[in-house]
């Protein structure tokens, strides 16, 4: 759209179905590269991508031509197809329903990217549930625990 200028920085967070630890080190980089390609092919800018075997964080500079929910739907659908077509896991791979989306200002890009790049270090000290609930509280997002991700205790 002509004369449209935006700076929309969003961190997306979503989990593997049933919070299973299925994104293994041996193919993690391939999944992240594939997701990066999906996002870039839709005209958005990937800033950072990383996660754990049971969830993923994606930080993007987003163009306003697409709804976040549509982007996440396509990323989940296409990355699930990749994992299943490569037979990287036993059974069928799926992402859990839903996602978290958190917006940031330009001055926060470096800090958020560093945070995402250090996911494995962060999760030595706290669980995904603790991290996710902290994000919801930090952004003052009201939630009902019944509708959050399935948690592994």
C-alpha atoms as a PDB file:
ATOM      1  CA  UNK A   1       0.000   0.000   0.000  1.00  0.00           C
ATOM      2  CA  UNK A   2       1.473   3.358  -1.011  1.00  0.00           C
ATOM      3  CA  UNK A   3       2.391   5.867   1.694  1.00  0.00           C
ATOM      4  CA  UNK A   4       2.265   3.234   4.448  1.00  0.00           C
ATOM      5  CA  UNK A   5       5.214   3.243   6.816  1.00  0.00           C
ATOM      6  CA  UNK A   6       5.357   0.886   9.787  1.00  0.00           C
ATOM      7  CA  UNK A   7       7.626  -0.544  12.456  1.00  0.00           C
ATOM      8  CA  UNK A   8       5.852  -3.530  13.968  1.00  0.00           C
ATOM      9  CA  UNK A   9       8.093  -5.783  16.027  1.00  0.00           C
ATOM     10  CA  UNK A  10       6.437  -8.895  17.390  1.00  0.00           C
ATOM     11  CA  UNK A  11       7.616 -11.893  19.373  1.00  0.00           C
ATOM     12  CA  UNK A  12       5.612 -15.022  18.640  1.00  0.00           C
ATOM     13  CA  UNK A  13       5.634 -17.965  21.049  1.00  0.00           C
ATOM     14  CA  UNK A  14       3.989 -21.326  20.550  1.00  0.00           C
ATOM     15  CA  UNK A  15       4.412 -24.889  21.760  1.00  0.00           C
ATOM     16  CA  UNK A  16       4.554 -28.423  20.440  1.00  0.00           C
ATOM     17  CA  UNK A  17       1.268 -30.297  20.847  1.00  0.00           C
ATOM     18  CA  UNK A  18       0.941 -31.741  24.345  1.00  0.00           C
ATOM     19  CA  UNK A  19       4.197 -29.940  25.176  1.00  0.00           C
ATOM     20  CA  UNK A  20       6.205 -32.930  24.012  1.00  0.00           C
ATOM     21  CA  UNK A  21       9.942 -32.380  23.548  1.00  0.00           C
ATOM     22  CA  UNK A  22       9.975 -33.262  19.859  1.00  0.00           C
ATOM     23  CA  UNK A  23      12.136 -30.575  18.228  1.00  0.00           C
ATOM     24  CA  UNK A  24      15.423 -32.401  18.482  1.00  0.00           C
ATOM     25  CA  UNK A  25      18.876 -30.855  18.089  1.00  0.00           C
ATOM     26  CA  UNK A  26      19.607 -32.913  14.977  1.00  0.00           C
ATOM     27  CA  UNK A  27      16.911 -31.119  12.928  1.00  0.00           C
ATOM     28  CA  UNK A  28      16.216 -27.978  14.965  1.00  0.00           C
ATOM     29  CA  UNK A  29      18.309 -25.746  12.689  1.00  0.00           C
ATOM     30  CA  UNK A  30      16.531 -27.070   9.583  1.00  0.00           C
ATOM     31  CA  UNK A  31      13.134 -26.272  11.128  1.00  0.00           C
ATOM     32  CA  UNK A  32      14.245 -22.751  12.068  1.00  0.00           C
ATOM     33  CA  UNK A  33      15.620 -22.134   8.551  1.00  0.00           C
ATOM     34  CA  UNK A  34      12.396 -23.387   7.025  1.00  0.00           C
ATOM     35  CA  UNK A  35      10.272 -21.156   9.265  1.00  0.00           C
ATOM     36  CA  UNK A  36      12.575 -18.237   8.444  1.00  0.00           C
ATOM     37  CA  UNK A  37      11.913 -18.877   4.752  1.00  0.00           C
ATOM     38  CA  UNK A  38       8.140 -18.934   5.268  1.00  0.00           C
ATOM     39  CA  UNK A  39       8.246 -15.606   7.105  1.00  0.00           C
ATOM     40  CA  UNK A  40      10.578 -13.944   4.600  1.00  0.00           C
ATOM     41  CA  UNK A  41       8.569 -15.208   1.615  1.00  0.00           C
ATOM     42  CA  UNK A  42       5.544 -13.457   3.106  1.00  0.00           C
ATOM     43  CA  UNK A  43       7.500 -10.179   3.158  1.00  0.00           C
ATOM     44  CA  UNK A  44       8.280 -10.012   6.883  1.00  0.00           C
ATOM     45  CA  UNK A  45      11.727  -9.669   8.439  1.00  0.00           C
ATOM     46  CA  UNK A  46      13.059 -12.360  10.756  1.00  0.00           C
ATOM     47  CA  UNK A  47      15.080 -10.884  13.612  1.00  0.00           C
ATOM     48  CA  UNK A  48      15.592 -13.946  15.843  1.00  0.00           C
ATOM     49  CA  UNK A  49      14.338 -17.509  16.061  1.00  0.00           C
ATOM     50  CA  UNK A  50      15.146 -20.080  18.722  1.00  0.00           C
ATOM     51  CA  UNK A  51      13.502 -22.293  21.254  1.00  0.00           C
ATOM     52  CA  UNK A  52      13.530 -25.504  23.156  1.00  0.00           C
ATOM     53  CA  UNK A  53      12.448 -29.025  22.200  1.00  0.00           C
ATOM     54  CA  UNK A  54       8.883 -28.189  23.324  1.00  0.00           C
ATOM     55  CA  UNK A  55       8.376 -24.569  22.163  1.00  0.00           C
ATOM     56  CA  UNK A  56       9.633 -21.837  19.873  1.00  0.00           C
ATOM     57  CA  UNK A  57      10.162 -18.061  19.949  1.00  0.00           C
ATOM     58  CA  UNK A  58      10.163 -16.046  16.719  1.00  0.00           C
ATOM     59  CA  UNK A  59      10.916 -12.313  16.671  1.00  0.00           C
ATOM     60  CA  UNK A  60       9.886 -10.533  13.489  1.00  0.00           C
ATOM     61  CA  UNK A  61       9.561  -7.138  11.916  1.00  0.00           C
ATOM     62  CA  UNK A  62       6.063  -7.513  10.556  1.00  0.00           C
ATOM     63  CA  UNK A  63       4.427  -5.824   7.591  1.00  0.00           C
ATOM     64  CA  UNK A  64       0.775  -4.839   8.101  1.00  0.00           C
ATOM     65  CA  UNK A  65      -0.426  -6.701   5.012  1.00  0.00           C
ATOM     66  CA  UNK A  66      -1.258  -9.867   6.942  1.00  0.00           C
ATOM     67  CA  UNK A  67      -2.907 -10.735  10.238  1.00  0.00           C
ATOM     68  CA  UNK A  68      -0.589 -12.243  12.844  1.00  0.00           C
ATOM     69  CA  UNK A  69      -2.946 -15.191  13.285  1.00  0.00           C
ATOM     70  CA  UNK A  70      -2.760 -15.952   9.540  1.00  0.00           C
ATOM     71  CA  UNK A  71       1.039 -15.866   9.619  1.00  0.00           C
ATOM     72  CA  UNK A  72       1.223 -18.162  12.652  1.00  0.00           C
ATOM     73  CA  UNK A  73      -1.311 -20.547  11.089  1.00  0.00           C
ATOM     74  CA  UNK A  74       0.815 -20.834   7.944  1.00  0.00           C
ATOM     75  CA  UNK A  75       4.090 -21.203   9.863  1.00  0.00           C
ATOM     76  CA  UNK A  76       2.625 -23.967  12.020  1.00  0.00           C
ATOM     77  CA  UNK A  77       0.957 -25.763   9.106  1.00  0.00           C
ATOM     78  CA  UNK A  78       3.951 -25.660   6.778  1.00  0.00           C
ATOM     79  CA  UNK A  79       6.591 -26.473   9.411  1.00  0.00           C
ATOM     80  CA  UNK A  80       4.478 -29.412  10.638  1.00  0.00           C
ATOM     81  CA  UNK A  81       4.312 -30.698   7.043  1.00  0.00           C
ATOM     82  CA  UNK A  82       8.112 -30.437   6.778  1.00  0.00           C
ATOM     83  CA  UNK A  83       8.745 -32.337  10.018  1.00  0.00           C
ATOM     84  CA  UNK A  84       6.233 -35.037   9.085  1.00  0.00           C
ATOM     85  CA  UNK A  85       7.481 -35.407   5.483  1.00  0.00           C
ATOM     86  CA  UNK A  86      11.074 -35.869   6.720  1.00  0.00           C
ATOM     87  CA  UNK A  87       9.974 -38.442   9.330  1.00  0.00           C
ATOM     88  CA  UNK A  88      12.091 -36.677  11.941  1.00  0.00           C
ATOM     89  CA  UNK A  89       9.878 -38.006  14.739  1.00  0.00           C
ATOM     90  CA  UNK A  90       7.827 -41.118  15.369  1.00  0.00           C
ATOM     91  CA  UNK A  91       4.154 -40.490  14.910  1.00  0.00           C
ATOM     92  CA  UNK A  92       2.616 -37.252  13.728  1.00  0.00           C
ATOM     93  CA  UNK A  93       4.014 -33.820  14.634  1.00  0.00           C
ATOM     94  CA  UNK A  94       1.666 -30.922  15.403  1.00  0.00           C
ATOM     95  CA  UNK A  95       1.921 -27.575  17.150  1.00  0.00           C
ATOM     96  CA  UNK A  96      -0.535 -26.825  19.947  1.00  0.00           C
ATOM     97  CA  UNK A  97      -3.471 -24.604  19.180  1.00  0.00           C
ATOM     98  CA  UNK A  98      -2.931 -20.923  19.945  1.00  0.00           C
ATOM     99  CA  UNK A  99       0.098 -18.696  20.381  1.00  0.00           C
ATOM    100  CA  UNK A 100       1.408 -15.695  22.241  1.00  0.00           C
ATOM    101  CA  UNK A 101       2.125 -12.463  20.393  1.00  0.00           C
ATOM    102  CA  UNK A 102       4.008  -9.657  22.125  1.00  0.00           C
ATOM    103  CA  UNK A 103       4.882  -6.278  20.589  1.00  0.00           C
ATOM    104  CA  UNK A 104       8.027  -4.250  21.157  1.00  0.00           C
ATOM    105  CA  UNK A 105       9.459  -0.876  20.262  1.00  0.00           C
ATOM    106  CA  UNK A 106      12.518  -0.263  18.112  1.00  0.00           C
ATOM    107  CA  UNK A 107      14.711   0.416  21.155  1.00  0.00           C
ATOM    108  CA  UNK A 108      13.969  -3.106  22.476  1.00  0.00           C
ATOM    109  CA  UNK A 109      15.035  -5.077  19.388  1.00  0.00           C
ATOM    110  CA  UNK A 110      18.517  -5.957  20.607  1.00  0.00           C
ATOM    111  CA  UNK A 111      17.376  -7.062  24.068  1.00  0.00           C
ATOM    112  CA  UNK A 112      14.552  -9.238  22.739  1.00  0.00           C
ATOM    113  CA  UNK A 113      16.766 -10.822  20.067  1.00  0.00           C
ATOM    114  CA  UNK A 114      19.436 -11.600  22.674  1.00  0.00           C
ATOM    115  CA  UNK A 115      16.805 -13.090  24.973  1.00  0.00           C
ATOM    116  CA  UNK A 116      15.553 -15.374  22.204  1.00  0.00           C
ATOM    117  CA  UNK A 117      19.073 -16.382  21.152  1.00  0.00           C
ATOM    118  CA  UNK A 118      19.761 -17.435  24.774  1.00  0.00           C
ATOM    119  CA  UNK A 119      16.688 -19.632  25.219  1.00  0.00           C
ATOM    120  CA  UNK A 120      18.596 -22.728  26.263  1.00  0.00           C
ATOM    121  CA  UNK A 121      20.470 -20.761  28.929  1.00  0.00           C
ATOM    122  CA  UNK A 122      17.234 -19.203  30.292  1.00  0.00           C
ATOM    123  CA  UNK A 123      15.511 -22.559  30.561  1.00  0.00           C
ATOM    124  CA  UNK A 124      18.184 -23.962  32.820  1.00  0.00           C
ATOM    125  CA  UNK A 125      16.724 -21.639  35.465  1.00  0.00           C
ATOM    126  CA  UNK A 126      13.003 -21.567  34.726  1.00  0.00           C
ATOM    127  CA  UNK A 127      10.307 -23.534  32.982  1.00  0.00           C
ATOM    128  CA  UNK A 128       8.428 -22.596  29.839  1.00  0.00           C
ATOM    129  CA  UNK A 129       5.311 -22.114  31.954  1.00  0.00           C
ATOM    130  CA  UNK A 130       7.108 -19.624  34.217  1.00  0.00           C
ATOM    131  CA  UNK A 131       8.482 -17.795  31.183  1.00  0.00           C
ATOM    132  CA  UNK A 132       5.139 -17.664  29.387  1.00  0.00           C
ATOM    133  CA  UNK A 133       3.149 -16.532  32.419  1.00  0.00           C
ATOM    134  CA  UNK A 134       5.760 -13.823  33.028  1.00  0.00           C
ATOM    135  CA  UNK A 135       5.256 -12.554  29.457  1.00  0.00           C
ATOM    136  CA  UNK A 136       1.484 -12.501  29.895  1.00  0.00           C
ATOM    137  CA  UNK A 137       1.804 -10.573  33.145  1.00  0.00           C
ATOM    138  CA  UNK A 138       4.455  -8.184  31.788  1.00  0.00           C
ATOM    139  CA  UNK A 139       2.156  -7.275  28.900  1.00  0.00           C
ATOM    140  CA  UNK A 140      -0.897  -7.181  31.192  1.00  0.00           C
ATOM    141  CA  UNK A 141      -2.743  -9.778  29.148  1.00  0.00           C
ATOM    142  CA  UNK A 142      -5.761 -11.250  30.887  1.00  0.00           C
ATOM    143  CA  UNK A 143      -5.988 -15.012  30.562  1.00  0.00           C
ATOM    144  CA  UNK A 144      -7.857 -18.026  31.809  1.00  0.00           C
ATOM    145  CA  UNK A 145      -5.502 -20.881  32.737  1.00  0.00           C
ATOM    146  CA  UNK A 146      -7.947 -23.355  31.173  1.00  0.00           C
ATOM    147  CA  UNK A 147      -7.062 -21.949  27.758  1.00  0.00           C
ATOM    148  CA  UNK A 148      -3.293 -21.768  28.065  1.00  0.00           C
ATOM    149  CA  UNK A 149      -0.984 -24.386  26.611  1.00  0.00           C
ATOM    150  CA  UNK A 150      -1.094 -27.900  28.015  1.00  0.00           C
ATOM    151  CA  UNK A 151       1.589 -27.900  30.687  1.00  0.00           C
ATOM    152  CA  UNK A 152       3.874 -30.750  31.635  1.00  0.00           C
ATOM    153  CA  UNK A 153       4.374 -30.935  35.384  1.00  0.00           C
END
